[in-house]
């Protein structure tokens, strides 16, 4: 966050600690999981940046960092219904790498690496998602 603020003037970051009970029904490669993470988001006019820090458990963020180091991990798209989106993606041959419910919304990362060269993430916004903290 300091680099984005100092180099580009990009900030006020909303920070969320994603852990139970807010984060629930977690899945990692088709199995129940116990991952947690910290997420910082900043919104621009046409784009949102998201920084993710894995905190615990098996997760695709730690997998990516171990293999590639820090860097761009995924592209996120907002959807109205995460379950419906996951069904559509499965029918098209894109399995879930990692998913969870977040309050009354949720997210899923799909294995789109081969055709798109990046992970595709769908996010259904919860009805109320106040940040845990703000930076700076």
N, C-alpha and C. Protein backbone atom coordinates (compact mmCIF):
# COMPACT_ATOMS: atom_id res chain seq x y z
N UNK A 1 0.82 -1.19 0.00
CA UNK A 1 0.00 0.00 0.00
C UNK A 1 0.87 1.26 0.00
N UNK A 2 1.92 1.30 0.82
CA UNK A 2 2.75 2.51 0.78
C UNK A 2 3.34 2.78 -0.61
N UNK A 3 3.74 1.72 -1.34
CA UNK A 3 4.28 1.93 -2.68
C UNK A 3 3.25 2.55 -3.62
N UNK A 4 2.03 2.07 -3.58
CA UNK A 4 0.98 2.63 -4.45
C UNK A 4 0.69 4.08 -4.08
N UNK A 5 0.71 4.37 -2.79
CA UNK A 5 0.46 5.75 -2.34
C UNK A 5 1.64 6.64 -2.71
N UNK A 6 2.86 6.22 -2.39
CA UNK A 6 4.04 7.06 -2.60
C UNK A 6 4.39 7.23 -4.08
N UNK A 7 4.26 6.17 -4.88
CA UNK A 7 4.64 6.25 -6.28
C UNK A 7 3.55 6.83 -7.18
N UNK A 8 2.29 6.51 -6.88
CA UNK A 8 1.20 6.88 -7.79
C UNK A 8 0.08 7.68 -7.16
N UNK A 9 0.15 7.91 -5.85
CA UNK A 9 -0.91 8.65 -5.17
C UNK A 9 -2.21 7.86 -5.08
N UNK A 10 -2.12 6.52 -5.17
CA UNK A 10 -3.31 5.67 -5.12
C UNK A 10 -3.56 5.24 -3.68
N UNK A 11 -4.64 5.67 -3.11
CA UNK A 11 -5.03 5.32 -1.75
C UNK A 11 -6.31 6.05 -1.45
N UNK A 12 -6.95 5.76 -0.67
CA UNK A 12 -7.38 5.30 0.62
C UNK A 12 -7.78 3.83 0.48
N UNK A 13 -7.04 2.98 1.16
CA UNK A 13 -7.24 1.54 1.08
C UNK A 13 -8.22 1.07 2.14
N UNK A 14 -9.19 0.25 1.74
CA UNK A 14 -10.08 -0.43 2.68
C UNK A 14 -9.48 -1.80 2.96
N UNK A 15 -9.34 -2.16 4.23
CA UNK A 15 -8.68 -3.39 4.62
C UNK A 15 -9.67 -4.31 5.33
N UNK A 16 -9.68 -5.56 4.89
CA UNK A 16 -10.59 -6.57 5.44
C UNK A 16 -9.79 -7.77 5.91
N UNK A 17 -9.99 -8.19 7.14
CA UNK A 17 -9.45 -9.45 7.61
C UNK A 17 -10.51 -10.50 7.31
N UNK A 18 -10.20 -11.39 6.37
CA UNK A 18 -11.15 -12.40 5.92
C UNK A 18 -10.92 -13.69 6.70
N UNK A 19 -11.76 -13.87 7.70
CA UNK A 19 -11.66 -15.03 8.59
C UNK A 19 -13.05 -15.33 9.12
N UNK A 20 -13.26 -16.52 9.70
CA UNK A 20 -14.57 -16.84 10.25
C UNK A 20 -14.96 -15.86 11.35
N UNK A 21 -16.23 -15.57 11.52
CA UNK A 21 -17.38 -16.15 10.83
C UNK A 21 -17.73 -15.44 9.51
N UNK A 22 -17.08 -14.29 9.24
CA UNK A 22 -17.36 -13.56 7.99
C UNK A 22 -17.04 -14.44 6.78
N UNK A 23 -15.92 -15.13 6.82
CA UNK A 23 -15.49 -16.04 5.77
C UNK A 23 -15.92 -17.45 6.17
N UNK A 24 -16.71 -18.11 5.33
CA UNK A 24 -17.21 -19.45 5.69
C UNK A 24 -17.37 -20.30 4.44
N UNK A 25 -17.64 -21.59 4.64
CA UNK A 25 -17.81 -22.55 3.54
C UNK A 25 -16.64 -22.49 2.57
N UNK A 26 -15.43 -22.57 3.13
CA UNK A 26 -14.20 -22.43 2.34
C UNK A 26 -13.83 -23.75 1.64
N UNK A 27 -13.40 -23.61 0.38
CA UNK A 27 -13.01 -24.76 -0.45
C UNK A 27 -11.65 -24.46 -1.08
N UNK A 28 -10.76 -25.46 -1.07
CA UNK A 28 -9.46 -25.36 -1.73
C UNK A 28 -9.26 -26.63 -2.53
N UNK A 29 -9.20 -26.51 -3.85
CA UNK A 29 -9.06 -27.65 -4.76
C UNK A 29 -10.05 -28.76 -4.44
N UNK A 30 -11.32 -28.36 -4.27
CA UNK A 30 -12.40 -29.33 -4.10
C UNK A 30 -12.58 -29.89 -2.71
N UNK A 31 -11.77 -29.46 -1.75
CA UNK A 31 -11.85 -29.98 -0.38
C UNK A 31 -12.16 -28.85 0.60
N UNK A 32 -12.82 -29.16 1.70
CA UNK A 32 -13.01 -28.13 2.74
C UNK A 32 -11.65 -27.58 3.18
N UNK A 33 -11.62 -26.29 3.47
CA UNK A 33 -10.35 -25.63 3.78
C UNK A 33 -10.52 -24.67 4.95
N UNK A 34 -9.39 -24.21 5.48
CA UNK A 34 -9.38 -23.31 6.63
C UNK A 34 -8.52 -22.07 6.39
N UNK A 35 -8.41 -21.62 5.15
CA UNK A 35 -7.55 -20.48 4.86
C UNK A 35 -8.16 -19.18 5.39
N UNK A 36 -7.26 -18.24 5.69
CA UNK A 36 -7.65 -16.86 6.02
C UNK A 36 -6.70 -15.93 5.28
N UNK A 37 -7.15 -14.70 5.09
CA UNK A 37 -6.32 -13.73 4.39
C UNK A 37 -6.72 -12.32 4.79
N UNK A 38 -5.83 -11.40 4.48
CA UNK A 38 -6.10 -9.96 4.65
C UNK A 38 -6.15 -9.39 3.24
N UNK A 39 -7.18 -8.59 2.98
CA UNK A 39 -7.38 -8.01 1.65
C UNK A 39 -7.46 -6.50 1.79
N UNK A 40 -6.72 -5.80 0.94
CA UNK A 40 -6.78 -4.33 0.89
C UNK A 40 -7.26 -3.94 -0.50
N UNK A 41 -8.26 -3.07 -0.57
CA UNK A 41 -8.85 -2.66 -1.85
C UNK A 41 -8.86 -1.14 -1.96
N UNK A 42 -8.64 -0.68 -3.16
CA UNK A 42 -8.77 0.74 -3.47
C UNK A 42 -9.50 0.84 -4.80
N UNK A 43 -10.46 1.74 -4.88
CA UNK A 43 -11.27 1.88 -6.09
C UNK A 43 -10.87 3.12 -6.85
N UNK A 44 -10.65 2.94 -8.14
CA UNK A 44 -10.45 4.05 -9.06
C UNK A 44 -11.73 4.26 -9.85
N UNK A 45 -11.67 5.12 -10.86
CA UNK A 45 -12.87 5.37 -11.65
C UNK A 45 -13.32 4.14 -12.43
N UNK A 46 -12.38 3.40 -13.01
CA UNK A 46 -12.76 2.28 -13.87
C UNK A 46 -12.17 0.95 -13.42
N UNK A 47 -11.41 0.95 -12.34
CA UNK A 47 -10.74 -0.27 -11.92
C UNK A 47 -10.61 -0.29 -10.40
N UNK A 48 -10.52 -1.48 -9.86
CA UNK A 48 -10.26 -1.64 -8.44
C UNK A 48 -9.01 -2.48 -8.29
N UNK A 49 -8.10 -2.06 -7.43
CA UNK A 49 -6.91 -2.84 -7.12
C UNK A 49 -7.16 -3.58 -5.81
N UNK A 50 -6.66 -4.81 -5.74
CA UNK A 50 -6.83 -5.63 -4.56
C UNK A 50 -5.48 -6.25 -4.23
N UNK A 51 -5.01 -6.02 -3.03
CA UNK A 51 -3.79 -6.66 -2.54
C UNK A 51 -4.22 -7.73 -1.54
N UNK A 52 -3.67 -8.94 -1.69
CA UNK A 52 -4.06 -10.05 -0.83
C UNK A 52 -2.84 -10.57 -0.09
N UNK A 53 -2.97 -10.70 1.21
CA UNK A 53 -1.92 -11.29 2.05
C UNK A 53 -2.46 -12.58 2.66
N UNK A 54 -1.94 -13.75 2.23
CA UNK A 54 -2.40 -14.98 2.87
C UNK A 54 -1.94 -15.00 4.32
N UNK A 55 -2.85 -15.42 5.21
CA UNK A 55 -2.52 -15.45 6.64
C UNK A 55 -2.36 -16.87 7.17
N UNK A 56 -3.24 -17.79 6.73
CA UNK A 56 -3.15 -19.15 7.25
C UNK A 56 -3.84 -20.13 6.31
N UNK A 57 -3.49 -21.40 6.47
CA UNK A 57 -4.13 -22.48 5.73
C UNK A 57 -3.62 -22.60 4.30
N UNK A 58 -3.97 -23.73 3.68
CA UNK A 58 -3.65 -23.95 2.28
C UNK A 58 -4.52 -23.04 1.43
N UNK A 59 -3.88 -22.34 0.48
CA UNK A 59 -4.63 -21.39 -0.35
C UNK A 59 -3.87 -21.13 -1.64
N UNK A 60 -4.56 -20.62 -2.64
CA UNK A 60 -3.92 -20.40 -3.94
C UNK A 60 -3.01 -19.18 -3.93
N UNK A 61 -3.15 -18.29 -2.97
CA UNK A 61 -2.25 -17.14 -2.88
C UNK A 61 -0.85 -17.60 -2.49
N UNK A 62 -0.76 -18.42 -1.46
CA UNK A 62 0.54 -18.96 -1.03
C UNK A 62 1.16 -19.82 -2.12
N UNK A 63 0.32 -20.59 -2.82
CA UNK A 63 0.82 -21.41 -3.94
C UNK A 63 1.47 -20.52 -5.00
N UNK A 64 0.80 -19.42 -5.34
CA UNK A 64 1.29 -18.51 -6.37
C UNK A 64 2.60 -17.86 -5.92
N UNK A 65 2.65 -17.38 -4.68
CA UNK A 65 3.85 -16.71 -4.18
C UNK A 65 5.03 -17.69 -4.16
N UNK A 66 4.80 -18.93 -3.75
CA UNK A 66 5.88 -19.92 -3.72
C UNK A 66 6.43 -20.19 -5.12
N UNK A 67 5.56 -20.17 -6.11
CA UNK A 67 5.98 -20.48 -7.48
C UNK A 67 6.50 -19.28 -8.25
N UNK A 68 5.86 -18.11 -8.07
CA UNK A 68 6.16 -16.94 -8.90
C UNK A 68 6.68 -15.73 -8.13
N UNK A 69 6.55 -15.71 -6.82
CA UNK A 69 6.82 -14.50 -6.06
C UNK A 69 5.60 -13.59 -6.11
N UNK A 70 5.73 -12.40 -5.56
CA UNK A 70 4.61 -11.46 -5.57
C UNK A 70 4.33 -11.00 -6.99
N UNK A 71 3.07 -10.70 -7.27
CA UNK A 71 2.72 -10.21 -8.60
C UNK A 71 1.24 -10.32 -8.86
N UNK A 72 0.86 -10.02 -10.09
CA UNK A 72 -0.55 -10.07 -10.48
C UNK A 72 -1.01 -11.52 -10.47
N UNK A 73 -2.06 -11.78 -9.72
CA UNK A 73 -2.55 -13.13 -9.50
C UNK A 73 -3.83 -13.43 -10.27
N UNK A 74 -4.77 -12.49 -10.30
CA UNK A 74 -6.06 -12.78 -10.91
C UNK A 74 -6.72 -11.51 -11.41
N UNK A 75 -7.75 -11.71 -12.24
CA UNK A 75 -8.67 -10.64 -12.63
C UNK A 75 -10.01 -10.95 -11.99
N UNK A 76 -10.64 -9.93 -11.44
CA UNK A 76 -11.90 -10.12 -10.74
C UNK A 76 -13.04 -9.48 -11.50
N UNK A 77 -14.17 -10.18 -11.51
CA UNK A 77 -15.39 -9.67 -12.13
C UNK A 77 -16.52 -9.81 -11.13
N UNK A 78 -17.38 -8.81 -11.08
CA UNK A 78 -18.53 -8.87 -10.19
C UNK A 78 -19.64 -9.67 -10.86
N UNK A 79 -20.31 -10.50 -10.07
CA UNK A 79 -21.42 -11.31 -10.56
C UNK A 79 -22.60 -11.16 -9.61
N UNK A 80 -23.79 -11.46 -10.11
CA UNK A 80 -24.99 -11.38 -9.28
C UNK A 80 -25.21 -12.62 -8.43
N UNK A 81 -24.75 -13.78 -8.92
CA UNK A 81 -25.00 -15.04 -8.23
C UNK A 81 -23.76 -15.93 -8.38
N UNK A 82 -22.99 -16.07 -7.31
CA UNK A 82 -21.74 -16.83 -7.36
C UNK A 82 -22.00 -18.31 -7.65
N UNK A 83 -23.07 -18.86 -7.11
CA UNK A 83 -23.36 -20.28 -7.35
C UNK A 83 -23.71 -20.54 -8.80
N UNK A 84 -24.52 -19.68 -9.38
CA UNK A 84 -24.88 -19.81 -10.79
C UNK A 84 -23.64 -19.66 -11.67
N UNK A 85 -22.79 -18.69 -11.35
CA UNK A 85 -21.56 -18.48 -12.11
C UNK A 85 -20.66 -19.71 -12.04
N UNK A 86 -20.55 -20.30 -10.85
CA UNK A 86 -19.72 -21.49 -10.68
C UNK A 86 -20.27 -22.65 -11.50
N UNK A 87 -21.59 -22.80 -11.55
CA UNK A 87 -22.20 -23.86 -12.38
C UNK A 87 -21.89 -23.64 -13.85
N UNK A 88 -22.01 -22.41 -14.31
CA UNK A 88 -21.71 -22.09 -15.72
C UNK A 88 -20.25 -22.37 -16.04
N UNK A 89 -19.36 -21.93 -15.15
CA UNK A 89 -17.92 -22.13 -15.38
C UNK A 89 -17.58 -23.63 -15.40
N UNK A 90 -18.20 -24.41 -14.52
CA UNK A 90 -17.95 -25.85 -14.50
C UNK A 90 -18.40 -26.50 -15.81
N UNK A 91 -19.56 -26.09 -16.31
CA UNK A 91 -20.06 -26.63 -17.58
C UNK A 91 -19.13 -26.28 -18.74
N UNK A 92 -18.44 -25.16 -18.64
CA UNK A 92 -17.50 -24.73 -19.68
C UNK A 92 -16.11 -25.34 -19.50
N UNK A 93 -15.93 -26.12 -18.41
CA UNK A 93 -14.67 -26.81 -18.19
C UNK A 93 -13.67 -26.07 -17.33
N UNK A 94 -14.14 -25.11 -16.52
CA UNK A 94 -13.26 -24.34 -15.65
C UNK A 94 -13.57 -24.65 -14.19
N UNK A 95 -12.80 -25.56 -13.58
CA UNK A 95 -13.06 -25.94 -12.19
C UNK A 95 -12.67 -24.84 -11.21
N UNK A 96 -13.21 -24.94 -10.02
CA UNK A 96 -12.91 -24.01 -8.94
C UNK A 96 -11.56 -24.38 -8.33
N UNK A 97 -10.67 -23.40 -8.23
CA UNK A 97 -9.41 -23.58 -7.53
C UNK A 97 -9.59 -23.35 -6.03
N UNK A 98 -10.35 -22.30 -5.70
CA UNK A 98 -10.58 -21.92 -4.31
C UNK A 98 -11.84 -21.08 -4.27
N UNK A 99 -12.64 -21.25 -3.22
CA UNK A 99 -13.89 -20.49 -3.11
C UNK A 99 -14.28 -20.36 -1.65
N UNK A 100 -15.14 -19.40 -1.39
CA UNK A 100 -15.70 -19.25 -0.04
C UNK A 100 -16.91 -18.33 -0.12
N UNK A 101 -17.72 -18.41 0.88
CA UNK A 101 -18.79 -17.44 1.08
C UNK A 101 -18.20 -16.32 1.95
N UNK A 102 -18.62 -15.11 1.68
CA UNK A 102 -18.14 -13.94 2.41
C UNK A 102 -19.37 -13.16 2.84
N UNK A 103 -19.69 -13.23 4.14
CA UNK A 103 -20.97 -12.72 4.65
C UNK A 103 -22.07 -13.37 3.83
N UNK A 104 -22.95 -12.59 3.17
CA UNK A 104 -23.99 -13.19 2.34
C UNK A 104 -23.64 -13.14 0.85
N UNK A 105 -22.37 -12.87 0.54
CA UNK A 105 -21.87 -12.93 -0.83
C UNK A 105 -20.90 -14.09 -0.94
N UNK A 106 -19.98 -13.98 -1.88
CA UNK A 106 -18.99 -15.04 -2.01
C UNK A 106 -18.07 -14.81 -3.18
N UNK A 107 -17.05 -15.65 -3.27
CA UNK A 107 -16.10 -15.57 -4.37
C UNK A 107 -15.66 -16.95 -4.79
N UNK A 108 -15.18 -17.04 -6.01
CA UNK A 108 -14.61 -18.28 -6.53
C UNK A 108 -13.53 -17.93 -7.54
N UNK A 109 -12.43 -18.67 -7.46
CA UNK A 109 -11.33 -18.55 -8.41
C UNK A 109 -11.41 -19.77 -9.33
N UNK A 110 -11.40 -19.53 -10.64
CA UNK A 110 -11.55 -20.61 -11.61
C UNK A 110 -10.23 -20.84 -12.35
N UNK A 111 -9.99 -22.08 -12.71
CA UNK A 111 -8.77 -22.44 -13.42
C UNK A 111 -8.91 -22.08 -14.90
N UNK A 112 -8.60 -20.83 -15.20
CA UNK A 112 -8.64 -20.32 -16.58
C UNK A 112 -7.23 -20.03 -17.08
N UNK A 113 -6.24 -20.60 -16.41
CA UNK A 113 -4.84 -20.28 -16.73
C UNK A 113 -4.47 -20.68 -18.15
N UNK A 114 -4.88 -21.87 -18.59
CA UNK A 114 -4.49 -22.33 -19.93
C UNK A 114 -5.02 -21.40 -21.03
N UNK A 115 -6.33 -21.13 -21.08
CA UNK A 115 -6.80 -20.30 -22.20
C UNK A 115 -6.56 -18.81 -22.02
N UNK A 116 -6.57 -18.31 -20.77
CA UNK A 116 -6.51 -16.87 -20.54
C UNK A 116 -5.17 -16.40 -19.98
N UNK A 117 -4.34 -17.31 -19.52
CA UNK A 117 -3.02 -17.01 -18.93
C UNK A 117 -3.13 -16.22 -17.63
N UNK A 118 -4.28 -16.31 -17.00
CA UNK A 118 -4.51 -15.66 -15.71
C UNK A 118 -5.69 -16.37 -15.03
N UNK A 119 -5.75 -16.30 -13.72
CA UNK A 119 -6.88 -16.85 -12.97
C UNK A 119 -8.03 -15.86 -13.03
N UNK A 120 -9.23 -16.38 -13.24
CA UNK A 120 -10.45 -15.56 -13.29
C UNK A 120 -11.17 -15.72 -11.97
N UNK A 121 -11.51 -14.60 -11.33
CA UNK A 121 -12.22 -14.61 -10.05
C UNK A 121 -13.57 -13.95 -10.22
N UNK A 122 -14.60 -14.63 -9.74
CA UNK A 122 -15.94 -14.04 -9.69
C UNK A 122 -16.22 -13.67 -8.24
N UNK A 123 -16.82 -12.50 -8.05
CA UNK A 123 -17.12 -12.02 -6.70
C UNK A 123 -18.54 -11.51 -6.65
N UNK A 124 -19.33 -12.08 -5.77
CA UNK A 124 -20.68 -11.60 -5.50
C UNK A 124 -20.60 -10.74 -4.24
N UNK A 125 -20.84 -9.45 -4.41
CA UNK A 125 -20.74 -8.53 -3.28
C UNK A 125 -21.76 -8.87 -2.20
N UNK A 126 -21.34 -8.86 -0.94
CA UNK A 126 -22.32 -8.99 0.13
C UNK A 126 -23.16 -7.71 0.21
N UNK A 127 -24.30 -7.80 0.84
CA UNK A 127 -25.17 -6.63 0.93
C UNK A 127 -24.57 -5.52 1.79
N UNK A 128 -23.72 -5.88 2.75
CA UNK A 128 -23.09 -4.88 3.60
C UNK A 128 -21.67 -5.32 3.92
N UNK A 129 -20.69 -4.57 3.45
CA UNK A 129 -19.30 -4.97 3.63
C UNK A 129 -18.47 -3.78 4.10
N UNK A 130 -18.63 -3.35 5.35
CA UNK A 130 -17.79 -2.26 5.84
C UNK A 130 -16.35 -2.72 6.04
N UNK A 131 -15.38 -1.88 5.73
CA UNK A 131 -13.97 -2.28 5.93
C UNK A 131 -13.65 -2.42 7.40
N UNK A 132 -12.68 -3.27 7.68
CA UNK A 132 -12.21 -3.45 9.04
C UNK A 132 -11.35 -2.26 9.47
N UNK A 133 -10.51 -1.80 8.51
CA UNK A 133 -9.58 -0.69 8.76
C UNK A 133 -9.44 0.12 7.49
N UNK A 134 -8.80 1.28 7.61
CA UNK A 134 -8.46 2.09 6.45
C UNK A 134 -7.00 2.50 6.53
N UNK A 135 -6.37 2.63 5.34
CA UNK A 135 -4.97 3.06 5.29
C UNK A 135 -4.82 4.07 4.17
N UNK A 136 -4.16 5.16 4.31
CA UNK A 136 -3.57 5.66 5.55
C UNK A 136 -4.63 6.29 6.43
